[in-house]
Amino acid sequence: MPNFLIVECGVDNTPLESALLEDGSETVSIQYGPSFIAQVREIRPDAVIFNLESPSEALLADLLALSRQSPLPVIMFAADGSSATIQKAIQSEVTSYEVNGLDGDRLPSIIQVALARFKHQQALKQALQEAKIQLEDRKQIDRAKAILINTRNFTENEAYHTLRKLAMDRNITLGQMARNVIAMAELLK
């Protein structure tokens, strides 16, 4: 059973809460304020839902901070359909921004799509982060191999196998071993 946090922003949320309860979801409501991020971390919902006229700059800044610290699906129902507001919401990592779309019949599918989109986005972010780490490791490995080639007269193959053996002996990654070799070379300059 999903657990949703409904954030009160001056709009009547009774239809939203009723639709979620009919769908078998658990809801918790809080008032938006300075302690918003702390409350979200404490409650640990499956998703955060807003029903408001237009998101404020402070709210969007809080959502961006939340997405960097504790990423969660954020579903926003708003009356403001201006392209500038929608763009700011997307930049603040709002998963789903629905303009005048709070319809009890469509709510379950909107939430399902938002949750699936969030999961997909998180997988893409994770894959991107892993690719960045691998690329950085590759650069460090190449640099460490160059150090071994220049200082020890190794071939490229010997340098690579030496790095790999050292990493295995120390039970660390090849990237970490490369950084260690680079640091040692810098120290001995």
N, C-alpha and C. Protein backbone atom coordinates (compact mmCIF):
# COMPACT_ATOMS: atom_id res chain seq x y z
N MET A 1 0.85 -1.17 0.00
CA MET A 1 0.00 0.00 0.00
C MET A 1 0.90 1.24 0.00
N PRO A 2 0.79 2.09 -1.04
CA PRO A 2 1.63 3.27 -1.11
C PRO A 2 1.32 4.29 -0.02
N ASN A 3 2.33 5.02 0.35
CA ASN A 3 2.23 6.03 1.39
C ASN A 3 2.55 7.38 0.74
N PHE A 4 1.56 8.28 0.69
CA PHE A 4 1.74 9.57 0.04
C PHE A 4 1.72 10.70 1.05
N LEU A 5 2.58 11.66 0.80
CA LEU A 5 2.61 12.88 1.60
C LEU A 5 1.92 13.96 0.78
N ILE A 6 0.84 14.49 1.31
CA ILE A 6 0.13 15.59 0.66
C ILE A 6 0.57 16.87 1.35
N VAL A 7 1.07 17.80 0.57
CA VAL A 7 1.56 19.05 1.13
C VAL A 7 0.51 20.13 0.90
N GLU A 8 0.05 20.69 2.01
CA GLU A 8 -0.99 21.72 1.97
C GLU A 8 -0.37 23.04 1.53
N CYS A 9 -0.97 23.64 0.50
CA CYS A 9 -0.48 24.92 -0.02
C CYS A 9 -1.64 25.89 -0.28
N GLY A 10 -2.63 25.87 0.58
CA GLY A 10 -3.72 26.84 0.47
C GLY A 10 -4.86 26.43 -0.45
N VAL A 11 -4.88 25.21 -0.94
CA VAL A 11 -5.95 24.72 -1.81
C VAL A 11 -6.63 23.55 -1.09
N ASP A 12 -7.93 23.43 -1.26
CA ASP A 12 -8.68 22.34 -0.62
C ASP A 12 -8.23 20.99 -1.21
N ASN A 13 -7.71 20.13 -0.36
CA ASN A 13 -7.21 18.84 -0.80
C ASN A 13 -8.16 17.69 -0.52
N THR A 14 -9.38 17.99 -0.12
CA THR A 14 -10.34 16.94 0.20
C THR A 14 -10.56 15.98 -0.97
N PRO A 15 -10.77 16.48 -2.20
CA PRO A 15 -10.96 15.54 -3.32
C PRO A 15 -9.73 14.65 -3.56
N LEU A 16 -8.57 15.23 -3.42
CA LEU A 16 -7.32 14.49 -3.59
C LEU A 16 -7.20 13.39 -2.54
N GLU A 17 -7.41 13.76 -1.28
CA GLU A 17 -7.31 12.78 -0.19
C GLU A 17 -8.35 11.68 -0.35
N SER A 18 -9.57 12.05 -0.73
CA SER A 18 -10.64 11.05 -0.91
C SER A 18 -10.29 10.07 -2.02
N ALA A 19 -9.77 10.59 -3.14
CA ALA A 19 -9.41 9.72 -4.26
C ALA A 19 -8.29 8.77 -3.86
N LEU A 20 -7.31 9.25 -3.11
CA LEU A 20 -6.21 8.38 -2.68
C LEU A 20 -6.69 7.32 -1.69
N LEU A 21 -7.56 7.70 -0.77
CA LEU A 21 -8.09 6.73 0.19
C LEU A 21 -8.94 5.67 -0.50
N GLU A 22 -9.73 6.09 -1.50
CA GLU A 22 -10.55 5.13 -2.26
C GLU A 22 -9.67 4.13 -2.99
N ASP A 23 -8.49 4.58 -3.40
CA ASP A 23 -7.55 3.72 -4.12
C ASP A 23 -6.76 2.83 -3.16
N GLY A 24 -6.99 2.98 -1.84
CA GLY A 24 -6.31 2.14 -0.86
C GLY A 24 -4.95 2.66 -0.42
N SER A 25 -4.67 3.90 -0.69
CA SER A 25 -3.38 4.48 -0.30
C SER A 25 -3.46 5.10 1.08
N GLU A 26 -2.32 5.17 1.73
CA GLU A 26 -2.22 5.88 3.00
C GLU A 26 -1.75 7.29 2.71
N THR A 27 -2.29 8.26 3.44
CA THR A 27 -1.88 9.64 3.22
C THR A 27 -1.52 10.30 4.55
N VAL A 28 -0.59 11.21 4.46
CA VAL A 28 -0.22 12.08 5.57
C VAL A 28 -0.20 13.48 4.99
N SER A 29 -0.76 14.43 5.71
CA SER A 29 -0.79 15.81 5.23
C SER A 29 0.06 16.69 6.13
N ILE A 30 0.79 17.59 5.50
CA ILE A 30 1.55 18.60 6.25
C ILE A 30 1.35 19.94 5.57
N GLN A 31 1.63 20.98 6.29
CA GLN A 31 1.57 22.33 5.74
C GLN A 31 2.96 22.67 5.21
N TYR A 32 3.03 23.26 4.02
CA TYR A 32 4.33 23.66 3.48
C TYR A 32 4.89 24.79 4.33
N GLY A 33 6.17 24.66 4.67
CA GLY A 33 6.84 25.69 5.46
C GLY A 33 8.33 25.46 5.51
N PRO A 34 9.03 26.20 6.35
CA PRO A 34 10.49 26.11 6.42
C PRO A 34 11.03 24.73 6.78
N SER A 35 10.24 23.94 7.50
CA SER A 35 10.72 22.62 7.91
C SER A 35 10.29 21.52 6.93
N PHE A 36 9.90 21.91 5.73
CA PHE A 36 9.39 20.96 4.74
C PHE A 36 10.33 19.79 4.49
N ILE A 37 11.60 20.06 4.19
CA ILE A 37 12.54 18.99 3.86
C ILE A 37 12.74 18.05 5.04
N ALA A 38 12.86 18.59 6.23
CA ALA A 38 13.03 17.76 7.43
C ALA A 38 11.80 16.88 7.65
N GLN A 39 10.61 17.43 7.44
CA GLN A 39 9.40 16.64 7.61
C GLN A 39 9.33 15.51 6.59
N VAL A 40 9.70 15.79 5.36
CA VAL A 40 9.68 14.75 4.33
C VAL A 40 10.63 13.63 4.70
N ARG A 41 11.82 13.98 5.16
CA ARG A 41 12.79 12.95 5.56
C ARG A 41 12.27 12.12 6.73
N GLU A 42 11.58 12.76 7.64
CA GLU A 42 11.05 12.06 8.81
C GLU A 42 9.91 11.12 8.42
N ILE A 43 9.02 11.58 7.56
CA ILE A 43 7.85 10.79 7.17
C ILE A 43 8.22 9.67 6.20
N ARG A 44 9.18 9.92 5.31
CA ARG A 44 9.65 8.95 4.32
C ARG A 44 8.51 8.39 3.46
N PRO A 45 7.83 9.27 2.74
CA PRO A 45 6.72 8.80 1.89
C PRO A 45 7.23 8.14 0.62
N ASP A 46 6.31 7.45 -0.07
CA ASP A 46 6.63 6.88 -1.38
C ASP A 46 6.63 7.97 -2.45
N ALA A 47 5.85 9.02 -2.22
CA ALA A 47 5.79 10.15 -3.15
C ALA A 47 5.23 11.36 -2.41
N VAL A 48 5.53 12.54 -2.95
CA VAL A 48 5.02 13.79 -2.40
C VAL A 48 4.07 14.38 -3.44
N ILE A 49 2.89 14.80 -2.96
CA ILE A 49 1.88 15.33 -3.87
C ILE A 49 1.51 16.75 -3.43
N PHE A 50 1.48 17.65 -4.42
CA PHE A 50 1.07 19.03 -4.20
C PHE A 50 -0.17 19.31 -5.03
N ASN A 51 -1.08 20.09 -4.48
CA ASN A 51 -2.23 20.61 -5.20
C ASN A 51 -2.24 22.10 -4.88
N LEU A 52 -1.89 22.92 -5.89
CA LEU A 52 -1.72 24.34 -5.62
C LEU A 52 -2.04 25.19 -6.83
N GLU A 53 -2.08 26.48 -6.60
CA GLU A 53 -2.31 27.41 -7.71
C GLU A 53 -1.06 27.50 -8.58
N SER A 54 0.08 27.82 -7.94
CA SER A 54 1.34 27.96 -8.64
C SER A 54 2.47 27.74 -7.65
N PRO A 55 3.51 27.00 -8.02
CA PRO A 55 4.61 26.77 -7.08
C PRO A 55 5.44 28.05 -6.90
N SER A 56 5.79 28.34 -5.66
CA SER A 56 6.62 29.51 -5.37
C SER A 56 8.09 29.19 -5.65
N GLU A 57 8.88 30.22 -5.75
CA GLU A 57 10.33 30.04 -5.96
C GLU A 57 10.93 29.27 -4.79
N ALA A 58 10.48 29.58 -3.57
CA ALA A 58 11.00 28.89 -2.38
C ALA A 58 10.66 27.40 -2.42
N LEU A 59 9.44 27.07 -2.83
CA LEU A 59 9.03 25.68 -2.93
C LEU A 59 9.88 24.94 -3.97
N LEU A 60 10.07 25.56 -5.12
CA LEU A 60 10.87 24.93 -6.16
C LEU A 60 12.31 24.73 -5.71
N ALA A 61 12.86 25.70 -4.98
CA ALA A 61 14.22 25.56 -4.45
C ALA A 61 14.28 24.41 -3.44
N ASP A 62 13.25 24.30 -2.59
CA ASP A 62 13.20 23.19 -1.63
C ASP A 62 13.10 21.84 -2.34
N LEU A 63 12.32 21.78 -3.41
CA LEU A 63 12.19 20.52 -4.15
C LEU A 63 13.50 20.12 -4.81
N LEU A 64 14.23 21.09 -5.32
CA LEU A 64 15.54 20.80 -5.92
C LEU A 64 16.50 20.29 -4.85
N ALA A 65 16.50 20.94 -3.69
CA ALA A 65 17.35 20.49 -2.58
C ALA A 65 16.96 19.09 -2.13
N LEU A 66 15.66 18.82 -2.06
CA LEU A 66 15.18 17.50 -1.66
C LEU A 66 15.62 16.44 -2.66
N SER A 67 15.53 16.76 -3.95
CA SER A 67 15.91 15.77 -4.95
C SER A 67 17.39 15.44 -4.90
N ARG A 68 18.20 16.38 -4.47
CA ARG A 68 19.64 16.13 -4.35
C ARG A 68 19.97 15.35 -3.09
N GLN A 69 19.19 15.53 -2.04
CA GLN A 69 19.47 14.87 -0.76
C GLN A 69 18.75 13.54 -0.62
N SER A 70 17.47 13.53 -0.92
CA SER A 70 16.63 12.34 -0.75
C SER A 70 15.63 12.28 -1.90
N PRO A 71 16.05 11.80 -3.07
CA PRO A 71 15.15 11.82 -4.23
C PRO A 71 13.85 11.05 -3.99
N LEU A 72 12.75 11.70 -4.35
CA LEU A 72 11.42 11.12 -4.24
C LEU A 72 10.59 11.56 -5.43
N PRO A 73 9.61 10.75 -5.84
CA PRO A 73 8.69 11.22 -6.87
C PRO A 73 7.88 12.40 -6.33
N VAL A 74 7.78 13.44 -7.12
CA VAL A 74 6.98 14.62 -6.75
C VAL A 74 5.93 14.82 -7.83
N ILE A 75 4.68 14.81 -7.40
CA ILE A 75 3.56 15.00 -8.32
C ILE A 75 2.91 16.33 -7.96
N MET A 76 2.77 17.19 -8.94
CA MET A 76 2.24 18.52 -8.68
C MET A 76 1.03 18.77 -9.57
N PHE A 77 -0.09 19.06 -8.92
CA PHE A 77 -1.29 19.50 -9.61
C PHE A 77 -1.35 21.01 -9.43
N ALA A 78 -1.37 21.75 -10.54
CA ALA A 78 -1.32 23.21 -10.44
C ALA A 78 -2.27 23.84 -11.43
N ALA A 79 -2.71 25.05 -11.09
CA ALA A 79 -3.55 25.83 -12.00
C ALA A 79 -2.68 26.60 -12.99
N ASP A 80 -1.45 26.89 -12.62
CA ASP A 80 -0.54 27.68 -13.45
C ASP A 80 0.04 26.82 -14.56
N GLY A 81 -0.38 27.10 -15.78
CA GLY A 81 0.10 26.32 -16.92
C GLY A 81 1.10 27.07 -17.78
N SER A 82 1.68 28.14 -17.25
CA SER A 82 2.63 28.90 -18.06
C SER A 82 3.88 28.07 -18.32
N SER A 83 4.45 28.25 -19.50
CA SER A 83 5.62 27.45 -19.86
C SER A 83 6.80 27.75 -18.95
N ALA A 84 6.93 28.98 -18.47
CA ALA A 84 8.03 29.33 -17.56
C ALA A 84 7.91 28.56 -16.25
N THR A 85 6.70 28.48 -15.71
CA THR A 85 6.49 27.75 -14.45
C THR A 85 6.73 26.25 -14.65
N ILE A 86 6.23 25.72 -15.74
CA ILE A 86 6.43 24.30 -16.01
C ILE A 86 7.92 24.00 -16.14
N GLN A 87 8.65 24.84 -16.85
CA GLN A 87 10.10 24.65 -17.02
C GLN A 87 10.81 24.69 -15.67
N LYS A 88 10.44 25.64 -14.82
CA LYS A 88 11.06 25.73 -13.49
C LYS A 88 10.74 24.49 -12.66
N ALA A 89 9.52 23.99 -12.78
CA ALA A 89 9.14 22.78 -12.03
C ALA A 89 9.96 21.59 -12.49
N ILE A 90 10.12 21.44 -13.80
CA ILE A 90 10.91 20.32 -14.33
C ILE A 90 12.37 20.45 -13.87
N GLN A 91 12.91 21.66 -13.89
CA GLN A 91 14.29 21.88 -13.43
C GLN A 91 14.44 21.59 -11.95
N SER A 92 13.34 21.68 -11.21
CA SER A 92 13.37 21.39 -9.77
C SER A 92 13.10 19.92 -9.48
N GLU A 93 13.14 19.09 -10.54
CA GLU A 93 12.98 17.64 -10.44
C GLU A 93 11.56 17.21 -10.07
N VAL A 94 10.56 18.00 -10.43
CA VAL A 94 9.17 17.57 -10.26
C VAL A 94 8.93 16.46 -11.28
N THR A 95 8.47 15.32 -10.81
CA THR A 95 8.29 14.15 -11.68
C THR A 95 7.12 14.32 -12.63
N SER A 96 6.02 14.85 -12.10
CA SER A 96 4.82 15.02 -12.91
C SER A 96 4.18 16.36 -12.55
N TYR A 97 3.96 17.19 -13.56
CA TYR A 97 3.33 18.50 -13.38
C TYR A 97 2.04 18.49 -14.19
N GLU A 98 0.92 18.43 -13.49
CA GLU A 98 -0.38 18.32 -14.14
C GLU A 98 -1.13 19.65 -14.02
N VAL A 99 -1.44 20.25 -15.15
CA VAL A 99 -2.15 21.52 -15.16
C VAL A 99 -3.64 21.25 -15.19
N ASN A 100 -4.34 21.76 -14.17
CA ASN A 100 -5.80 21.58 -14.06
C ASN A 100 -6.19 20.11 -14.25
N GLY A 101 -5.39 19.21 -13.72
CA GLY A 101 -5.62 17.80 -13.99
C GLY A 101 -6.04 16.97 -12.80
N LEU A 102 -6.47 17.60 -11.73
CA LEU A 102 -6.86 16.82 -10.56
C LEU A 102 -8.25 16.24 -10.78
N ASP A 103 -8.27 15.05 -11.30
CA ASP A 103 -9.49 14.31 -11.58
C ASP A 103 -9.38 12.98 -10.85
N GLY A 104 -10.30 12.73 -9.94
CA GLY A 104 -10.23 11.53 -9.12
C GLY A 104 -10.14 10.24 -9.92
N ASP A 105 -10.80 10.20 -11.09
CA ASP A 105 -10.77 8.99 -11.91
C ASP A 105 -9.40 8.76 -12.54
N ARG A 106 -8.71 9.85 -12.89
CA ARG A 106 -7.41 9.74 -13.54
C ARG A 106 -6.25 9.67 -12.54
N LEU A 107 -6.52 9.99 -11.30
CA LEU A 107 -5.45 10.08 -10.29
C LEU A 107 -4.61 8.82 -10.18
N PRO A 108 -5.18 7.62 -10.09
CA PRO A 108 -4.34 6.41 -9.97
C PRO A 108 -3.38 6.24 -11.15
N SER A 109 -3.86 6.50 -12.37
CA SER A 109 -2.96 6.34 -13.52
C SER A 109 -1.90 7.43 -13.56
N ILE A 110 -2.24 8.65 -13.16
CA ILE A 110 -1.25 9.73 -13.11
C ILE A 110 -0.16 9.36 -12.12
N ILE A 111 -0.55 8.83 -10.97
CA ILE A 111 0.43 8.45 -9.95
C ILE A 111 1.29 7.29 -10.44
N GLN A 112 0.67 6.28 -11.06
CA GLN A 112 1.44 5.14 -11.58
C GLN A 112 2.47 5.59 -12.60
N VAL A 113 2.08 6.46 -13.51
CA VAL A 113 3.00 6.96 -14.53
C VAL A 113 4.13 7.75 -13.86
N ALA A 114 3.79 8.59 -12.90
CA ALA A 114 4.81 9.39 -12.21
C ALA A 114 5.80 8.49 -11.47
N LEU A 115 5.30 7.46 -10.80
CA LEU A 115 6.19 6.56 -10.06
C LEU A 115 7.10 5.79 -11.03
N ALA A 116 6.53 5.33 -12.15
CA ALA A 116 7.33 4.61 -13.14
C ALA A 116 8.37 5.53 -13.77
N ARG A 117 7.97 6.76 -14.08
CA ARG A 117 8.90 7.74 -14.66
C ARG A 117 10.03 8.05 -13.69
N PHE A 118 9.69 8.21 -12.42
CA PHE A 118 10.71 8.49 -11.41
C PHE A 118 11.71 7.34 -11.31
N LYS A 119 11.20 6.13 -11.28
CA LYS A 119 12.08 4.95 -11.19
C LYS A 119 13.01 4.89 -12.40
N HIS A 120 12.46 5.16 -13.58
CA HIS A 120 13.25 5.16 -14.81
C HIS A 120 14.32 6.26 -14.77
N GLN A 121 13.94 7.45 -14.33
CA GLN A 121 14.89 8.56 -14.24
C GLN A 121 16.01 8.24 -13.25
N GLN A 122 15.68 7.61 -12.15
CA GLN A 122 16.70 7.26 -11.16
C GLN A 122 17.67 6.23 -11.74
N ALA A 123 17.14 5.27 -12.50
CA ALA A 123 18.01 4.27 -13.14
C ALA A 123 18.95 4.94 -14.14
N LEU A 124 18.43 5.90 -14.91
CA LEU A 124 19.27 6.64 -15.86
C LEU A 124 20.34 7.45 -15.15
N LYS A 125 19.97 8.09 -14.06
CA LYS A 125 20.95 8.88 -13.29
C LYS A 125 22.04 7.98 -12.73
N GLN A 126 21.65 6.81 -12.24
CA GLN A 126 22.61 5.86 -11.70
C GLN A 126 23.57 5.37 -12.79
N ALA A 127 23.01 5.06 -13.95
CA ALA A 127 23.84 4.60 -15.07
C ALA A 127 24.80 5.70 -15.52
N LEU A 128 24.32 6.93 -15.55
CA LEU A 128 25.19 8.05 -15.92
C LEU A 128 26.31 8.23 -14.91
N GLN A 129 25.97 8.15 -13.64
CA GLN A 129 26.99 8.28 -12.59
C GLN A 129 28.05 7.18 -12.70
N GLU A 130 27.60 5.95 -12.94
CA GLU A 130 28.54 4.84 -13.10
C GLU A 130 29.43 5.04 -14.32
N ALA A 131 28.85 5.54 -15.40
CA ALA A 131 29.64 5.80 -16.61
C ALA A 131 30.69 6.88 -16.36
N LYS A 132 30.31 7.92 -15.62
CA LYS A 132 31.26 8.99 -15.29
C LYS A 132 32.41 8.45 -14.44
N ILE A 133 32.08 7.59 -13.48
CA ILE A 133 33.11 7.00 -12.62
C ILE A 133 34.04 6.12 -13.46
N GLN A 134 33.46 5.32 -14.34
CA GLN A 134 34.28 4.45 -15.19
C GLN A 134 35.18 5.26 -16.11
N LEU A 135 34.66 6.34 -16.65
CA LEU A 135 35.47 7.20 -17.51
C LEU A 135 36.61 7.83 -16.73
N GLU A 136 36.31 8.32 -15.54
CA GLU A 136 37.35 8.92 -14.70
C GLU A 136 38.38 7.87 -14.30
N ASP A 137 37.92 6.67 -13.95
CA ASP A 137 38.85 5.58 -13.62
C ASP A 137 39.75 5.25 -14.81
N ARG A 138 39.15 5.22 -16.00
CA ARG A 138 39.92 4.91 -17.21
C ARG A 138 41.02 5.96 -17.41
N LYS A 139 40.69 7.23 -17.20
CA LYS A 139 41.69 8.30 -17.33
C LYS A 139 42.81 8.12 -16.30
N GLN A 140 42.44 7.78 -15.08
CA GLN A 140 43.43 7.60 -14.03
C GLN A 140 44.31 6.38 -14.30
N ILE A 141 43.70 5.33 -14.80
CA ILE A 141 44.46 4.11 -15.13
C ILE A 141 45.46 4.41 -16.24
N ASP A 142 45.02 5.12 -17.27
CA ASP A 142 45.93 5.48 -18.36
C ASP A 142 47.08 6.36 -17.85
N ARG A 143 46.77 7.27 -16.97
CA ARG A 143 47.81 8.14 -16.40
C ARG A 143 48.80 7.33 -15.55
N ALA A 144 48.27 6.41 -14.74
CA ALA A 144 49.14 5.57 -13.91
C ALA A 144 50.00 4.65 -14.78
N LYS A 145 49.41 4.12 -15.85
CA LYS A 145 50.20 3.29 -16.77
C LYS A 145 51.34 4.12 -17.38
N ALA A 146 51.06 5.34 -17.75
CA ALA A 146 52.09 6.21 -18.33
C ALA A 146 53.22 6.45 -17.32
N ILE A 147 52.86 6.61 -16.07
CA ILE A 147 53.88 6.79 -15.03
C ILE A 147 54.76 5.56 -14.93
N LEU A 148 54.14 4.38 -14.92
CA LEU A 148 54.91 3.14 -14.83
C LEU A 148 55.77 2.93 -16.09
N ILE A 149 55.25 3.26 -17.22
CA ILE A 149 56.01 3.13 -18.47
C ILE A 149 57.23 4.05 -18.44
N ASN A 150 57.04 5.28 -17.99
CA ASN A 150 58.13 6.26 -17.99
C ASN A 150 59.15 6.03 -16.88
N THR A 151 58.69 5.57 -15.72
CA THR A 151 59.62 5.42 -14.60
C THR A 151 60.23 4.03 -14.49
N ARG A 152 59.51 3.02 -14.97
CA ARG A 152 59.98 1.64 -14.81
C ARG A 152 60.29 0.96 -16.14
N ASN A 153 60.13 1.67 -17.23
CA ASN A 153 60.36 1.13 -18.57
C ASN A 153 59.50 -0.11 -18.86
N PHE A 154 58.26 -0.09 -18.35
CA PHE A 154 57.31 -1.17 -18.63
C PHE A 154 56.71 -0.95 -20.01
N THR A 155 56.24 -2.05 -20.59
CA THR A 155 55.39 -1.91 -21.77
C THR A 155 54.00 -1.55 -21.25
N GLU A 156 53.12 -1.15 -22.14
CA GLU A 156 51.77 -0.80 -21.71
C GLU A 156 51.08 -2.00 -21.08
N ASN A 157 51.27 -3.16 -21.66
CA ASN A 157 50.68 -4.38 -21.13
C ASN A 157 51.23 -4.71 -19.74
N GLU A 158 52.53 -4.59 -19.57
CA GLU A 158 53.15 -4.85 -18.25
C GLU A 158 52.64 -3.85 -17.21
N ALA A 159 52.52 -2.60 -17.61
CA ALA A 159 52.04 -1.57 -16.68
C ALA A 159 50.61 -1.89 -16.23
N TYR A 160 49.76 -2.27 -17.18
CA TYR A 160 48.39 -2.60 -16.85
C TYR A 160 48.32 -3.80 -15.91
N HIS A 161 49.06 -4.86 -16.23
CA HIS A 161 49.02 -6.07 -15.39
C HIS A 161 49.62 -5.80 -14.01
N THR A 162 50.61 -4.95 -13.93
CA THR A 162 51.17 -4.58 -12.63
C THR A 162 50.13 -3.84 -11.79
N LEU A 163 49.45 -2.86 -12.40
CA LEU A 163 48.38 -2.14 -11.69
C LEU A 163 47.29 -3.10 -11.23
N ARG A 164 46.90 -4.00 -12.12
CA ARG A 164 45.84 -4.95 -11.79
C ARG A 164 46.25 -5.87 -10.64
N LYS A 165 47.48 -6.36 -10.67
CA LYS A 165 47.96 -7.24 -9.60
C LYS A 165 48.03 -6.49 -8.28
N LEU A 166 48.55 -5.26 -8.31
CA LEU A 166 48.61 -4.46 -7.08
C LEU A 166 47.21 -4.22 -6.51
N ALA A 167 46.26 -3.93 -7.38
CA ALA A 167 44.88 -3.69 -6.93
C ALA A 167 44.29 -4.96 -6.31
N MET A 168 44.52 -6.09 -6.95
CA MET A 168 43.99 -7.35 -6.44
C MET A 168 44.64 -7.71 -5.10
N ASP A 169 45.94 -7.50 -4.99
CA ASP A 169 46.64 -7.82 -3.74
C ASP A 169 46.13 -6.96 -2.59
N ARG A 170 45.74 -5.74 -2.88
CA ARG A 170 45.28 -4.82 -1.84
C ARG A 170 43.75 -4.81 -1.71
N ASN A 171 43.09 -5.59 -2.54
CA ASN A 171 41.63 -5.70 -2.53
C ASN A 171 40.96 -4.33 -2.73
N ILE A 172 41.46 -3.58 -3.72
CA ILE A 172 40.88 -2.31 -4.09
C ILE A 172 40.63 -2.32 -5.60
N THR A 173 39.89 -1.33 -6.06
CA THR A 173 39.60 -1.27 -7.50
C THR A 173 40.84 -0.81 -8.26
N LEU A 174 40.82 -1.09 -9.53
CA LEU A 174 41.92 -0.67 -10.40
C LEU A 174 42.02 0.86 -10.42
N GLY A 175 40.88 1.53 -10.41
CA GLY A 175 40.87 2.99 -10.37
C GLY A 175 41.51 3.53 -9.11
N GLN A 176 41.21 2.91 -7.97
CA GLN A 176 41.82 3.34 -6.71
C GLN A 176 43.32 3.11 -6.73
N MET A 177 43.74 1.98 -7.28
CA MET A 177 45.18 1.70 -7.36
C MET A 177 45.86 2.72 -8.26
N ALA A 178 45.22 3.06 -9.37
CA ALA A 178 45.78 4.06 -10.27
C ALA A 178 45.94 5.40 -9.56
N ARG A 179 44.94 5.78 -8.78
CA ARG A 179 45.03 7.04 -8.02
C ARG A 179 46.17 6.98 -7.00
N ASN A 180 46.37 5.82 -6.40
CA ASN A 180 47.48 5.65 -5.44
C ASN A 180 48.83 5.81 -6.14
N VAL A 181 48.98 5.22 -7.32
CA VAL A 181 50.23 5.33 -8.07
C VAL A 181 50.48 6.79 -8.45
N ILE A 182 49.43 7.46 -8.90
CA ILE A 182 49.55 8.87 -9.28
C ILE A 182 49.94 9.72 -8.08
N ALA A 183 49.30 9.48 -6.95
CA ALA A 183 49.63 10.22 -5.73
C ALA A 183 51.07 9.98 -5.31
N MET A 184 51.51 8.75 -5.39
CA MET A 184 52.89 8.43 -5.01
C MET A 184 53.88 9.12 -5.96
N ALA A 185 53.57 9.11 -7.24
CA ALA A 185 54.44 9.78 -8.23
C ALA A 185 54.51 11.28 -7.95
N GLU A 186 53.38 11.87 -7.60
CA GLU A 186 53.36 13.29 -7.27
C GLU A 186 54.20 13.58 -6.03
N LEU A 187 54.11 12.69 -5.07
CA LEU A 187 54.86 12.84 -3.82
C LEU A 187 56.36 12.75 -4.05
N LEU A 188 56.77 11.89 -4.98
CA LEU A 188 58.20 11.67 -5.22
C LEU A 188 58.81 12.65 -6.22
N LYS A 189 58.04 13.57 -6.75
CA LYS A 189 58.58 14.55 -7.70
C LYS A 189 59.54 15.50 -7.02
